[in-house]
Amino acid sequence: MVAVRAFIAVELPPEIQKRLAEVQDHLRRELRDLPIRWVRPESIHLTLKFLGMIPASHIDEIIAALRGLTLERGPFAFVVEGIGCFPELRHPRVIWVGVSDPTRALAAFQRLVESSMQKLGYPPEDRPYQPHLTLGRVGREATSADCRRIAEVIERTTVERLGEVRVTEITLMRSDLHPQGAIYTPIARLPLRGSV
């Protein structure tokens, strides 16, 4: 059975990618020589739901379920600002730029996506949704001194508002893992056509 690694995402406009690249460039200079795999700016996206490995035969039903949502919901916006690490600053594994959701429209839409996918058998996340844009991943070989240095740099770095993203479509994305990083390929783009 053919399977693909897939997720549901919001792609970012070029001007936001460019500003994220500037933040990355600053961090790269500050954290050079550390084991961090930086995400290519054109690959940075907002994940709504990670599906994992899915049978290729299920793609059509996933698209149909998402189309049902996008016919009901209209465009909305979120703001890109802030910086941090997961799971926490002292043990950085993922370096991210934040997403704020002043109208709560993003959170509401993500819950709809989660619920829609749960009906198809994809279990919900076991932790609350924390929207973010991944800039880089810290390698497992990072020492405690490396982690302290990353924490210090992130703590003294301020990321002001980089802009607002107007969400007019969502993308079902395929992810192929390669040694140089994941390659993302859109499977389907679904415009938000509703009035809500």
N, C-alpha and C. Protein backbone atom coordinates (compact mmCIF):
# COMPACT_ATOMS: atom_id res chain seq x y z
N MET A 1 0.86 -1.20 0.00
CA MET A 1 0.00 0.00 0.00
C MET A 1 0.89 1.25 0.00
N VAL A 2 0.61 2.17 -0.90
CA VAL A 2 1.37 3.41 -0.98
C VAL A 2 0.86 4.36 0.10
N ALA A 3 1.81 4.97 0.83
CA ALA A 3 1.44 5.93 1.87
C ALA A 3 2.28 7.19 1.69
N VAL A 4 1.72 8.32 2.10
CA VAL A 4 2.46 9.58 2.05
C VAL A 4 2.39 10.25 3.42
N ARG A 5 3.44 10.98 3.74
CA ARG A 5 3.47 11.75 4.99
C ARG A 5 2.81 13.10 4.67
N ALA A 6 1.79 13.46 5.44
CA ALA A 6 1.01 14.64 5.03
C ALA A 6 0.60 15.48 6.23
N PHE A 7 0.30 16.74 5.94
CA PHE A 7 -0.21 17.67 6.96
C PHE A 7 -1.06 18.73 6.27
N ILE A 8 -1.84 19.43 7.09
CA ILE A 8 -2.70 20.51 6.59
C ILE A 8 -2.10 21.82 7.08
N ALA A 9 -1.93 22.77 6.17
CA ALA A 9 -1.18 23.98 6.52
C ALA A 9 -1.73 25.23 5.87
N VAL A 10 -1.23 26.36 6.37
CA VAL A 10 -1.42 27.67 5.72
C VAL A 10 -0.05 28.05 5.17
N GLU A 11 0.00 28.28 3.86
CA GLU A 11 1.25 28.76 3.25
C GLU A 11 1.36 30.27 3.50
N LEU A 12 2.60 30.76 3.55
CA LEU A 12 2.84 32.16 3.90
C LEU A 12 3.16 32.99 2.66
N PRO A 13 2.75 34.26 2.66
CA PRO A 13 3.08 35.13 1.52
C PRO A 13 4.59 35.44 1.49
N PRO A 14 5.12 35.74 0.30
CA PRO A 14 6.57 35.98 0.15
C PRO A 14 7.12 37.05 1.09
N GLU A 15 6.33 38.13 1.35
CA GLU A 15 6.88 39.20 2.20
C GLU A 15 7.09 38.73 3.64
N ILE A 16 6.24 37.82 4.12
CA ILE A 16 6.43 37.27 5.47
C ILE A 16 7.62 36.31 5.46
N GLN A 17 7.75 35.50 4.41
CA GLN A 17 8.91 34.60 4.29
C GLN A 17 10.21 35.40 4.31
N LYS A 18 10.20 36.55 3.64
CA LYS A 18 11.40 37.39 3.56
C LYS A 18 11.76 37.91 4.96
N ARG A 19 10.74 38.34 5.72
CA ARG A 19 11.02 38.85 7.07
C ARG A 19 11.48 37.73 8.01
N LEU A 20 10.91 36.54 7.83
CA LEU A 20 11.36 35.39 8.64
C LEU A 20 12.81 35.05 8.29
N ALA A 21 13.18 35.17 7.01
CA ALA A 21 14.56 34.91 6.59
C ALA A 21 15.52 35.89 7.27
N GLU A 22 15.08 37.14 7.45
CA GLU A 22 15.92 38.14 8.12
C GLU A 22 16.14 37.76 9.59
N VAL A 23 15.07 37.27 10.25
CA VAL A 23 15.21 36.81 11.64
C VAL A 23 16.18 35.62 11.68
N GLN A 24 16.01 34.70 10.76
CA GLN A 24 16.91 33.54 10.68
C GLN A 24 18.35 33.96 10.48
N ASP A 25 18.58 34.91 9.59
CA ASP A 25 19.96 35.36 9.32
C ASP A 25 20.60 35.90 10.58
N HIS A 26 19.84 36.66 11.36
CA HIS A 26 20.35 37.19 12.64
C HIS A 26 20.73 36.03 13.57
N LEU A 27 19.82 35.05 13.69
CA LEU A 27 20.07 33.92 14.59
C LEU A 27 21.23 33.07 14.10
N ARG A 28 21.32 32.87 12.80
CA ARG A 28 22.44 32.08 12.24
C ARG A 28 23.78 32.69 12.62
N ARG A 29 23.86 34.02 12.54
CA ARG A 29 25.12 34.70 12.89
C ARG A 29 25.41 34.50 14.38
N GLU A 30 24.37 34.68 15.21
CA GLU A 30 24.55 34.56 16.66
C GLU A 30 24.85 33.13 17.10
N LEU A 31 24.30 32.16 16.35
CA LEU A 31 24.38 30.76 16.78
C LEU A 31 25.20 29.91 15.81
N ARG A 32 26.11 30.57 15.07
CA ARG A 32 26.90 29.79 14.12
C ARG A 32 27.73 28.74 14.88
N ASP A 33 28.02 27.66 14.21
CA ASP A 33 28.76 26.52 14.77
C ASP A 33 27.91 25.63 15.67
N LEU A 34 26.64 25.97 15.88
CA LEU A 34 25.81 25.09 16.72
C LEU A 34 25.00 24.15 15.82
N PRO A 35 24.66 22.96 16.35
CA PRO A 35 23.94 21.97 15.53
C PRO A 35 22.45 22.30 15.39
N ILE A 36 22.16 23.24 14.49
CA ILE A 36 20.77 23.65 14.23
C ILE A 36 20.50 23.47 12.74
N ARG A 37 19.41 22.77 12.43
CA ARG A 37 18.98 22.62 11.03
C ARG A 37 17.94 23.71 10.76
N TRP A 38 18.30 24.68 9.93
CA TRP A 38 17.42 25.80 9.65
C TRP A 38 16.45 25.43 8.53
N VAL A 39 15.21 25.80 8.68
CA VAL A 39 14.19 25.54 7.66
C VAL A 39 14.36 26.57 6.54
N ARG A 40 14.30 26.12 5.30
CA ARG A 40 14.38 27.08 4.19
C ARG A 40 13.19 28.05 4.29
N PRO A 41 13.42 29.35 4.17
CA PRO A 41 12.33 30.33 4.35
C PRO A 41 11.11 30.04 3.49
N GLU A 42 11.34 29.56 2.26
CA GLU A 42 10.19 29.29 1.37
C GLU A 42 9.40 28.06 1.82
N SER A 43 9.95 27.29 2.75
CA SER A 43 9.25 26.11 3.27
C SER A 43 8.52 26.37 4.59
N ILE A 44 8.76 27.54 5.19
CA ILE A 44 8.12 27.83 6.49
C ILE A 44 6.63 28.01 6.27
N HIS A 45 5.83 27.38 7.12
CA HIS A 45 4.37 27.39 6.98
C HIS A 45 3.75 27.29 8.37
N LEU A 46 2.47 27.51 8.45
CA LEU A 46 1.72 27.33 9.70
C LEU A 46 0.98 26.00 9.60
N THR A 47 1.34 25.04 10.45
CA THR A 47 0.66 23.75 10.45
C THR A 47 -0.65 23.85 11.21
N LEU A 48 -1.72 23.38 10.59
CA LEU A 48 -3.02 23.30 11.26
C LEU A 48 -3.24 21.91 11.85
N LYS A 49 -2.75 20.88 11.15
CA LYS A 49 -2.93 19.50 11.61
C LYS A 49 -1.91 18.61 10.91
N PHE A 50 -1.09 17.91 11.72
CA PHE A 50 -0.16 16.94 11.17
C PHE A 50 -0.87 15.59 11.12
N LEU A 51 -0.93 14.99 9.94
CA LEU A 51 -1.65 13.73 9.77
C LEU A 51 -0.74 12.51 9.89
N GLY A 52 0.56 12.68 9.62
CA GLY A 52 1.47 11.55 9.64
C GLY A 52 1.37 10.77 8.34
N MET A 53 1.70 9.48 8.40
CA MET A 53 1.64 8.64 7.20
C MET A 53 0.19 8.28 6.91
N ILE A 54 -0.26 8.63 5.72
CA ILE A 54 -1.64 8.33 5.34
C ILE A 54 -1.64 7.47 4.08
N PRO A 55 -2.55 6.51 3.97
CA PRO A 55 -2.65 5.75 2.72
C PRO A 55 -3.05 6.70 1.58
N ALA A 56 -2.40 6.55 0.46
CA ALA A 56 -2.72 7.41 -0.69
C ALA A 56 -4.19 7.30 -1.06
N SER A 57 -4.79 6.15 -0.78
CA SER A 57 -6.20 5.95 -1.11
C SER A 57 -7.14 6.79 -0.24
N HIS A 58 -6.62 7.39 0.85
CA HIS A 58 -7.45 8.22 1.73
C HIS A 58 -7.42 9.71 1.36
N ILE A 59 -6.56 10.07 0.41
CA ILE A 59 -6.38 11.49 0.09
C ILE A 59 -7.68 12.14 -0.36
N ASP A 60 -8.44 11.45 -1.21
CA ASP A 60 -9.67 12.05 -1.73
C ASP A 60 -10.68 12.34 -0.62
N GLU A 61 -10.80 11.44 0.36
CA GLU A 61 -11.76 11.69 1.44
C GLU A 61 -11.29 12.82 2.36
N ILE A 62 -9.98 12.96 2.53
CA ILE A 62 -9.46 14.08 3.32
C ILE A 62 -9.76 15.39 2.61
N ILE A 63 -9.51 15.43 1.30
CA ILE A 63 -9.78 16.65 0.52
C ILE A 63 -11.28 16.98 0.58
N ALA A 64 -12.13 15.97 0.45
CA ALA A 64 -13.58 16.20 0.49
C ALA A 64 -14.00 16.78 1.85
N ALA A 65 -13.43 16.26 2.94
CA ALA A 65 -13.76 16.77 4.27
C ALA A 65 -13.29 18.22 4.43
N LEU A 66 -12.09 18.51 3.94
CA LEU A 66 -11.57 19.88 4.03
C LEU A 66 -12.38 20.83 3.15
N ARG A 67 -12.79 20.35 1.98
CA ARG A 67 -13.60 21.20 1.09
C ARG A 67 -14.91 21.58 1.78
N GLY A 68 -15.48 20.64 2.52
CA GLY A 68 -16.70 20.95 3.28
C GLY A 68 -16.48 22.10 4.25
N LEU A 69 -15.31 22.10 4.92
CA LEU A 69 -15.00 23.19 5.87
C LEU A 69 -14.80 24.52 5.14
N THR A 70 -14.05 24.46 4.03
CA THR A 70 -13.68 25.71 3.35
C THR A 70 -14.86 26.34 2.61
N LEU A 71 -15.89 25.55 2.34
CA LEU A 71 -17.09 26.13 1.73
C LEU A 71 -17.92 26.88 2.77
N GLU A 72 -17.73 26.52 4.06
CA GLU A 72 -18.48 27.17 5.14
C GLU A 72 -17.77 28.40 5.69
N ARG A 73 -16.44 28.38 5.70
CA ARG A 73 -15.66 29.42 6.37
C ARG A 73 -15.07 30.39 5.37
N GLY A 74 -15.08 31.67 5.78
CA GLY A 74 -14.47 32.70 4.95
C GLY A 74 -13.06 33.01 5.41
N PRO A 75 -12.36 33.88 4.67
CA PRO A 75 -10.99 34.25 5.02
C PRO A 75 -10.90 34.88 6.42
N PHE A 76 -9.73 34.74 7.03
CA PHE A 76 -9.45 35.35 8.33
C PHE A 76 -7.97 35.70 8.37
N ALA A 77 -7.52 36.31 9.45
CA ALA A 77 -6.12 36.76 9.51
C ALA A 77 -5.48 36.40 10.85
N PHE A 78 -4.15 36.30 10.83
CA PHE A 78 -3.39 36.19 12.08
C PHE A 78 -2.14 37.06 11.95
N VAL A 79 -1.50 37.32 13.08
CA VAL A 79 -0.34 38.22 13.13
C VAL A 79 0.91 37.40 13.45
N VAL A 80 2.02 37.73 12.78
CA VAL A 80 3.29 37.05 13.01
C VAL A 80 4.16 37.95 13.90
N GLU A 81 4.48 37.47 15.10
CA GLU A 81 5.30 38.26 16.04
C GLU A 81 5.77 37.36 17.18
N GLY A 82 6.89 37.75 17.80
CA GLY A 82 7.40 37.01 18.95
C GLY A 82 8.34 35.88 18.55
N ILE A 83 9.07 35.36 19.54
CA ILE A 83 10.03 34.29 19.28
C ILE A 83 10.13 33.41 20.52
N GLY A 84 10.44 32.15 20.34
CA GLY A 84 10.57 31.25 21.48
C GLY A 84 11.09 29.90 21.06
N CYS A 85 11.03 28.95 22.00
CA CYS A 85 11.51 27.58 21.77
C CYS A 85 10.53 26.58 22.33
N PHE A 86 10.47 25.41 21.72
CA PHE A 86 9.78 24.27 22.29
C PHE A 86 10.82 23.24 22.68
N PRO A 87 10.64 22.43 23.73
CA PRO A 87 9.49 22.51 24.64
C PRO A 87 9.58 23.68 25.61
N GLU A 88 10.82 24.16 25.84
CA GLU A 88 10.99 25.35 26.68
C GLU A 88 12.37 25.93 26.41
N LEU A 89 12.59 27.14 26.89
CA LEU A 89 13.83 27.87 26.60
C LEU A 89 15.06 27.10 27.08
N ARG A 90 14.99 26.46 28.24
CA ARG A 90 16.17 25.79 28.81
C ARG A 90 16.51 24.48 28.08
N HIS A 91 15.52 23.93 27.37
CA HIS A 91 15.74 22.68 26.62
C HIS A 91 15.23 22.87 25.18
N PRO A 92 15.89 23.75 24.43
CA PRO A 92 15.36 24.07 23.10
C PRO A 92 15.52 22.91 22.12
N ARG A 93 14.45 22.56 21.45
CA ARG A 93 14.47 21.56 20.38
C ARG A 93 14.01 22.20 19.07
N VAL A 94 13.05 23.13 19.20
CA VAL A 94 12.51 23.84 18.03
C VAL A 94 12.57 25.33 18.32
N ILE A 95 13.12 26.10 17.37
CA ILE A 95 13.15 27.56 17.49
C ILE A 95 12.06 28.09 16.56
N TRP A 96 11.18 28.95 17.12
CA TRP A 96 10.04 29.39 16.33
C TRP A 96 9.78 30.89 16.45
N VAL A 97 9.08 31.41 15.45
CA VAL A 97 8.48 32.75 15.53
C VAL A 97 7.00 32.54 15.81
N GLY A 98 6.45 33.41 16.65
CA GLY A 98 5.08 33.20 17.13
C GLY A 98 4.00 33.71 16.19
N VAL A 99 2.81 33.25 16.50
CA VAL A 99 1.60 33.64 15.77
C VAL A 99 0.60 34.10 16.81
N SER A 100 0.07 35.32 16.67
CA SER A 100 -0.99 35.75 17.57
C SER A 100 -2.30 35.80 16.79
N ASP A 101 -3.35 35.57 17.52
CA ASP A 101 -4.67 35.32 16.92
C ASP A 101 -5.69 36.23 17.62
N PRO A 102 -5.59 37.55 17.35
CA PRO A 102 -6.41 38.49 18.13
C PRO A 102 -7.92 38.25 18.04
N THR A 103 -8.40 37.75 16.91
CA THR A 103 -9.85 37.55 16.77
C THR A 103 -10.27 36.13 17.16
N ARG A 104 -9.29 35.26 17.44
CA ARG A 104 -9.53 33.84 17.78
C ARG A 104 -10.09 33.05 16.58
N ALA A 105 -10.06 33.66 15.39
CA ALA A 105 -10.58 32.96 14.20
C ALA A 105 -9.69 31.78 13.83
N LEU A 106 -8.36 31.95 13.99
CA LEU A 106 -7.45 30.85 13.68
C LEU A 106 -7.71 29.66 14.61
N ALA A 107 -7.82 29.92 15.90
CA ALA A 107 -8.07 28.83 16.86
C ALA A 107 -9.38 28.12 16.54
N ALA A 108 -10.41 28.89 16.19
CA ALA A 108 -11.72 28.30 15.88
C ALA A 108 -11.62 27.43 14.63
N PHE A 109 -10.91 27.93 13.62
CA PHE A 109 -10.78 27.17 12.37
C PHE A 109 -9.95 25.90 12.60
N GLN A 110 -8.88 26.02 13.39
CA GLN A 110 -8.05 24.84 13.65
C GLN A 110 -8.85 23.76 14.38
N ARG A 111 -9.73 24.16 15.29
CA ARG A 111 -10.58 23.17 16.00
C ARG A 111 -11.49 22.45 15.01
N LEU A 112 -12.01 23.19 14.03
CA LEU A 112 -12.85 22.57 13.00
C LEU A 112 -12.06 21.55 12.18
N VAL A 113 -10.83 21.91 11.81
CA VAL A 113 -9.97 20.99 11.06
C VAL A 113 -9.71 19.74 11.90
N GLU A 114 -9.36 19.95 13.17
CA GLU A 114 -9.08 18.82 14.08
C GLU A 114 -10.28 17.88 14.18
N SER A 115 -11.46 18.48 14.37
CA SER A 115 -12.68 17.69 14.51
C SER A 115 -13.01 16.93 13.22
N SER A 116 -12.84 17.61 12.10
CA SER A 116 -13.12 17.00 10.79
C SER A 116 -12.20 15.81 10.54
N MET A 117 -10.93 15.94 10.90
CA MET A 117 -9.97 14.86 10.69
C MET A 117 -10.19 13.72 11.70
N GLN A 118 -10.65 14.08 12.90
CA GLN A 118 -10.94 13.04 13.90
C GLN A 118 -12.05 12.11 13.40
N LYS A 119 -13.03 12.69 12.71
CA LYS A 119 -14.13 11.88 12.16
C LYS A 119 -13.62 10.88 11.12
N LEU A 120 -12.46 11.19 10.52
CA LEU A 120 -11.88 10.27 9.53
C LEU A 120 -10.89 9.30 10.18
N GLY A 121 -10.76 9.38 11.50
CA GLY A 121 -9.89 8.43 12.20
C GLY A 121 -8.51 8.94 12.56
N TYR A 122 -8.26 10.27 12.38
CA TYR A 122 -6.96 10.85 12.76
C TYR A 122 -7.09 11.44 14.16
N PRO A 123 -6.42 10.85 15.16
CA PRO A 123 -6.63 11.28 16.54
C PRO A 123 -6.20 12.73 16.76
N PRO A 124 -6.88 13.43 17.69
CA PRO A 124 -6.49 14.81 17.98
C PRO A 124 -5.15 14.84 18.72
N GLU A 125 -4.49 15.97 18.66
CA GLU A 125 -3.24 16.15 19.42
C GLU A 125 -3.55 16.01 20.90
N ASP A 126 -2.58 15.51 21.66
CA ASP A 126 -2.81 15.37 23.10
C ASP A 126 -2.38 16.61 23.87
N ARG A 127 -1.97 17.65 23.14
CA ARG A 127 -1.64 18.92 23.83
C ARG A 127 -2.33 20.06 23.10
N PRO A 128 -2.56 21.16 23.78
CA PRO A 128 -3.28 22.29 23.15
C PRO A 128 -2.53 22.80 21.92
N TYR A 129 -3.28 23.28 20.96
CA TYR A 129 -2.70 23.82 19.73
C TYR A 129 -1.94 25.10 20.04
N GLN A 130 -0.67 25.16 19.63
CA GLN A 130 0.15 26.37 19.81
C GLN A 130 0.66 26.79 18.43
N PRO A 131 -0.04 27.69 17.78
CA PRO A 131 0.39 28.07 16.43
C PRO A 131 1.77 28.72 16.45
N HIS A 132 2.62 28.31 15.51
CA HIS A 132 3.99 28.84 15.45
C HIS A 132 4.56 28.56 14.06
N LEU A 133 5.65 29.24 13.76
CA LEU A 133 6.35 29.08 12.48
C LEU A 133 7.76 28.61 12.80
N THR A 134 8.08 27.38 12.44
CA THR A 134 9.38 26.80 12.81
C THR A 134 10.50 27.39 11.96
N LEU A 135 11.51 27.97 12.66
CA LEU A 135 12.69 28.52 11.98
C LEU A 135 13.80 27.49 11.89
N GLY A 136 13.95 26.67 12.96
CA GLY A 136 15.04 25.71 12.99
C GLY A 136 14.81 24.65 14.04
N ARG A 137 15.53 23.53 13.88
CA ARG A 137 15.45 22.42 14.84
C ARG A 137 16.84 22.15 15.39
N VAL A 138 16.91 22.05 16.69
CA VAL A 138 18.20 21.82 17.36
C VAL A 138 18.52 20.34 17.29
N GLY A 139 19.74 20.01 16.87
CA GLY A 139 20.15 18.62 16.74
C GLY A 139 20.27 17.93 18.09
N ARG A 140 20.06 16.62 18.08
CA ARG A 140 20.15 15.84 19.32
C ARG A 140 21.55 15.87 19.92
N GLU A 141 22.54 16.16 19.07
CA GLU A 141 23.92 16.20 19.56
C GLU A 141 24.27 17.49 20.30
N ALA A 142 23.32 18.42 20.39
CA ALA A 142 23.57 19.69 21.09
C ALA A 142 23.89 19.41 22.56
N THR A 143 24.96 20.05 23.04
CA THR A 143 25.37 19.88 24.44
C THR A 143 24.56 20.83 25.32
N SER A 144 24.67 20.65 26.64
CA SER A 144 23.96 21.57 27.55
C SER A 144 24.51 22.99 27.39
N ALA A 145 25.80 23.13 27.07
CA ALA A 145 26.37 24.47 26.83
C ALA A 145 25.76 25.09 25.57
N ASP A 146 25.57 24.26 24.52
CA ASP A 146 24.91 24.74 23.30
C ASP A 146 23.51 25.24 23.62
N CYS A 147 22.77 24.46 24.41
CA CYS A 147 21.39 24.82 24.76
C CYS A 147 21.34 26.11 25.56
N ARG A 148 22.31 26.29 26.45
CA ARG A 148 22.36 27.54 27.24
C ARG A 148 22.60 28.73 26.30
N ARG A 149 23.49 28.54 25.33
CA ARG A 149 23.79 29.63 24.40
C ARG A 149 22.55 29.97 23.56
N ILE A 150 21.86 28.94 23.09
CA ILE A 150 20.63 29.17 22.31
C ILE A 150 19.62 29.94 23.16
N ALA A 151 19.43 29.51 24.40
CA ALA A 151 18.46 30.17 25.30
C ALA A 151 18.82 31.63 25.50
N GLU A 152 20.11 31.91 25.71
CA GLU A 152 20.55 33.30 25.93
C GLU A 152 20.25 34.17 24.71
N VAL A 153 20.54 33.63 23.52
CA VAL A 153 20.32 34.40 22.29
C VAL A 153 18.83 34.65 22.07
N ILE A 154 18.02 33.61 22.26
CA ILE A 154 16.57 33.76 22.05
C ILE A 154 16.00 34.76 23.06
N GLU A 155 16.49 34.70 24.29
CA GLU A 155 15.99 35.60 25.33
C GLU A 155 16.24 37.06 25.01
N ARG A 156 17.38 37.33 24.39
CA ARG A 156 17.70 38.74 24.11
C ARG A 156 17.30 39.18 22.70
N THR A 157 16.65 38.29 21.96
CA THR A 157 16.17 38.62 20.61
C THR A 157 14.70 39.02 20.69
N THR A 158 14.39 40.15 20.09
CA THR A 158 12.99 40.59 20.05
C THR A 158 12.50 40.52 18.60
N VAL A 159 11.36 39.90 18.42
CA VAL A 159 10.76 39.88 17.08
C VAL A 159 9.45 40.66 17.17
N GLU A 160 9.53 41.90 16.68
CA GLU A 160 8.32 42.74 16.65
C GLU A 160 7.37 42.19 15.59
N ARG A 161 6.23 42.81 15.49
CA ARG A 161 5.24 42.39 14.50
C ARG A 161 5.85 42.37 13.09
N LEU A 162 5.88 41.20 12.46
CA LEU A 162 6.44 41.07 11.11
C LEU A 162 5.38 41.28 10.04
N GLY A 163 4.13 41.25 10.45
CA GLY A 163 3.05 41.46 9.48
C GLY A 163 1.84 40.62 9.81
N GLU A 164 0.80 40.85 9.02
CA GLU A 164 -0.44 40.10 9.18
C GLU A 164 -0.59 39.17 7.98
N VAL A 165 -1.01 37.95 8.24
CA VAL A 165 -1.26 36.98 7.16
C VAL A 165 -2.76 36.83 7.00
N ARG A 166 -3.25 37.12 5.81
CA ARG A 166 -4.67 36.90 5.52
C ARG A 166 -4.81 35.51 4.92
N VAL A 167 -5.55 34.66 5.59
CA VAL A 167 -5.70 33.27 5.16
C VAL A 167 -6.89 33.18 4.21
N THR A 168 -6.60 32.88 2.96
CA THR A 168 -7.66 32.76 1.95
C THR A 168 -7.78 31.33 1.43
N GLU A 169 -6.82 30.47 1.81
CA GLU A 169 -6.88 29.06 1.43
C GLU A 169 -6.04 28.24 2.39
N ILE A 170 -6.32 26.94 2.41
CA ILE A 170 -5.48 26.01 3.17
C ILE A 170 -4.94 24.97 2.19
N THR A 171 -3.86 24.31 2.60
CA THR A 171 -3.18 23.37 1.71
C THR A 171 -3.02 22.02 2.39
N LEU A 172 -3.38 20.97 1.66
CA LEU A 172 -3.01 19.62 2.08
C LEU A 172 -1.64 19.38 1.46
N MET A 173 -0.64 19.15 2.33
CA MET A 173 0.75 19.14 1.90
C MET A 173 1.37 17.77 2.11
N ARG A 174 2.18 17.37 1.15
CA ARG A 174 2.97 16.14 1.27
C ARG A 174 4.36 16.53 1.78
N SER A 175 4.92 15.71 2.67
CA SER A 175 6.25 15.97 3.22
C SER A 175 7.14 14.77 2.93
N ASP A 176 8.23 15.00 2.20
CA ASP A 176 9.21 13.94 1.93
C ASP A 176 10.49 14.29 2.68
N LEU A 177 10.92 13.37 3.55
CA LEU A 177 12.09 13.63 4.38
C LEU A 177 13.37 13.28 3.63
N HIS A 178 14.32 14.22 3.65
CA HIS A 178 15.62 14.04 3.02
C HIS A 178 16.69 14.49 4.01
N PRO A 179 17.93 14.01 3.86
CA PRO A 179 18.99 14.42 4.80
C PRO A 179 19.15 15.94 4.89
N GLN A 180 18.92 16.64 3.77
CA GLN A 180 19.08 18.10 3.77
C GLN A 180 17.83 18.84 4.25
N GLY A 181 16.82 18.09 4.66
CA GLY A 181 15.58 18.71 5.16
C GLY A 181 14.37 18.21 4.39
N ALA A 182 13.20 18.48 4.94
CA ALA A 182 11.96 18.02 4.31
C ALA A 182 11.66 18.82 3.04
N ILE A 183 11.11 18.13 2.06
CA ILE A 183 10.62 18.77 0.83
C ILE A 183 9.10 18.72 0.90
N TYR A 184 8.45 19.89 0.76
CA TYR A 184 6.99 19.97 0.85
C TYR A 184 6.40 20.17 -0.54
N THR A 185 5.39 19.38 -0.85
CA THR A 185 4.72 19.47 -2.15
C THR A 185 3.22 19.58 -1.92
N PRO A 186 2.57 20.64 -2.42
CA PRO A 186 1.12 20.74 -2.25
C PRO A 186 0.40 19.60 -2.98
N ILE A 187 -0.54 18.96 -2.28
CA ILE A 187 -1.40 17.95 -2.89
C ILE A 187 -2.67 18.62 -3.39
N ALA A 188 -3.22 19.53 -2.55
CA ALA A 188 -4.44 20.26 -2.93
C ALA A 188 -4.48 21.58 -2.18
N ARG A 189 -4.91 22.63 -2.88
CA ARG A 189 -5.14 23.93 -2.24
C ARG A 189 -6.65 24.18 -2.24
N LEU A 190 -7.18 24.56 -1.08
CA LEU A 190 -8.63 24.69 -0.95
C LEU A 190 -8.96 26.12 -0.49
N PRO A 191 -9.55 26.93 -1.37
CA PRO A 191 -9.90 28.30 -1.02
C PRO A 191 -11.01 28.36 0.04
N LEU A 192 -10.92 29.35 0.93
CA LEU A 192 -11.97 29.59 1.92
C LEU A 192 -13.05 30.41 1.22
N ARG A 193 -14.20 29.80 1.00
CA ARG A 193 -15.25 30.44 0.19
C ARG A 193 -16.47 30.87 0.98
N GLY A 194 -16.51 30.55 2.28
CA GLY A 194 -17.69 30.85 3.08
C GLY A 194 -17.79 32.31 3.44
N SER A 195 -18.84 32.64 4.14
CA SER A 195 -19.06 34.04 4.54
C SER A 195 -18.87 34.23 6.04
N VAL A 196 -18.59 33.14 6.78
CA VAL A 196 -18.46 33.23 8.25
C VAL A 196 -17.06 33.62 8.59
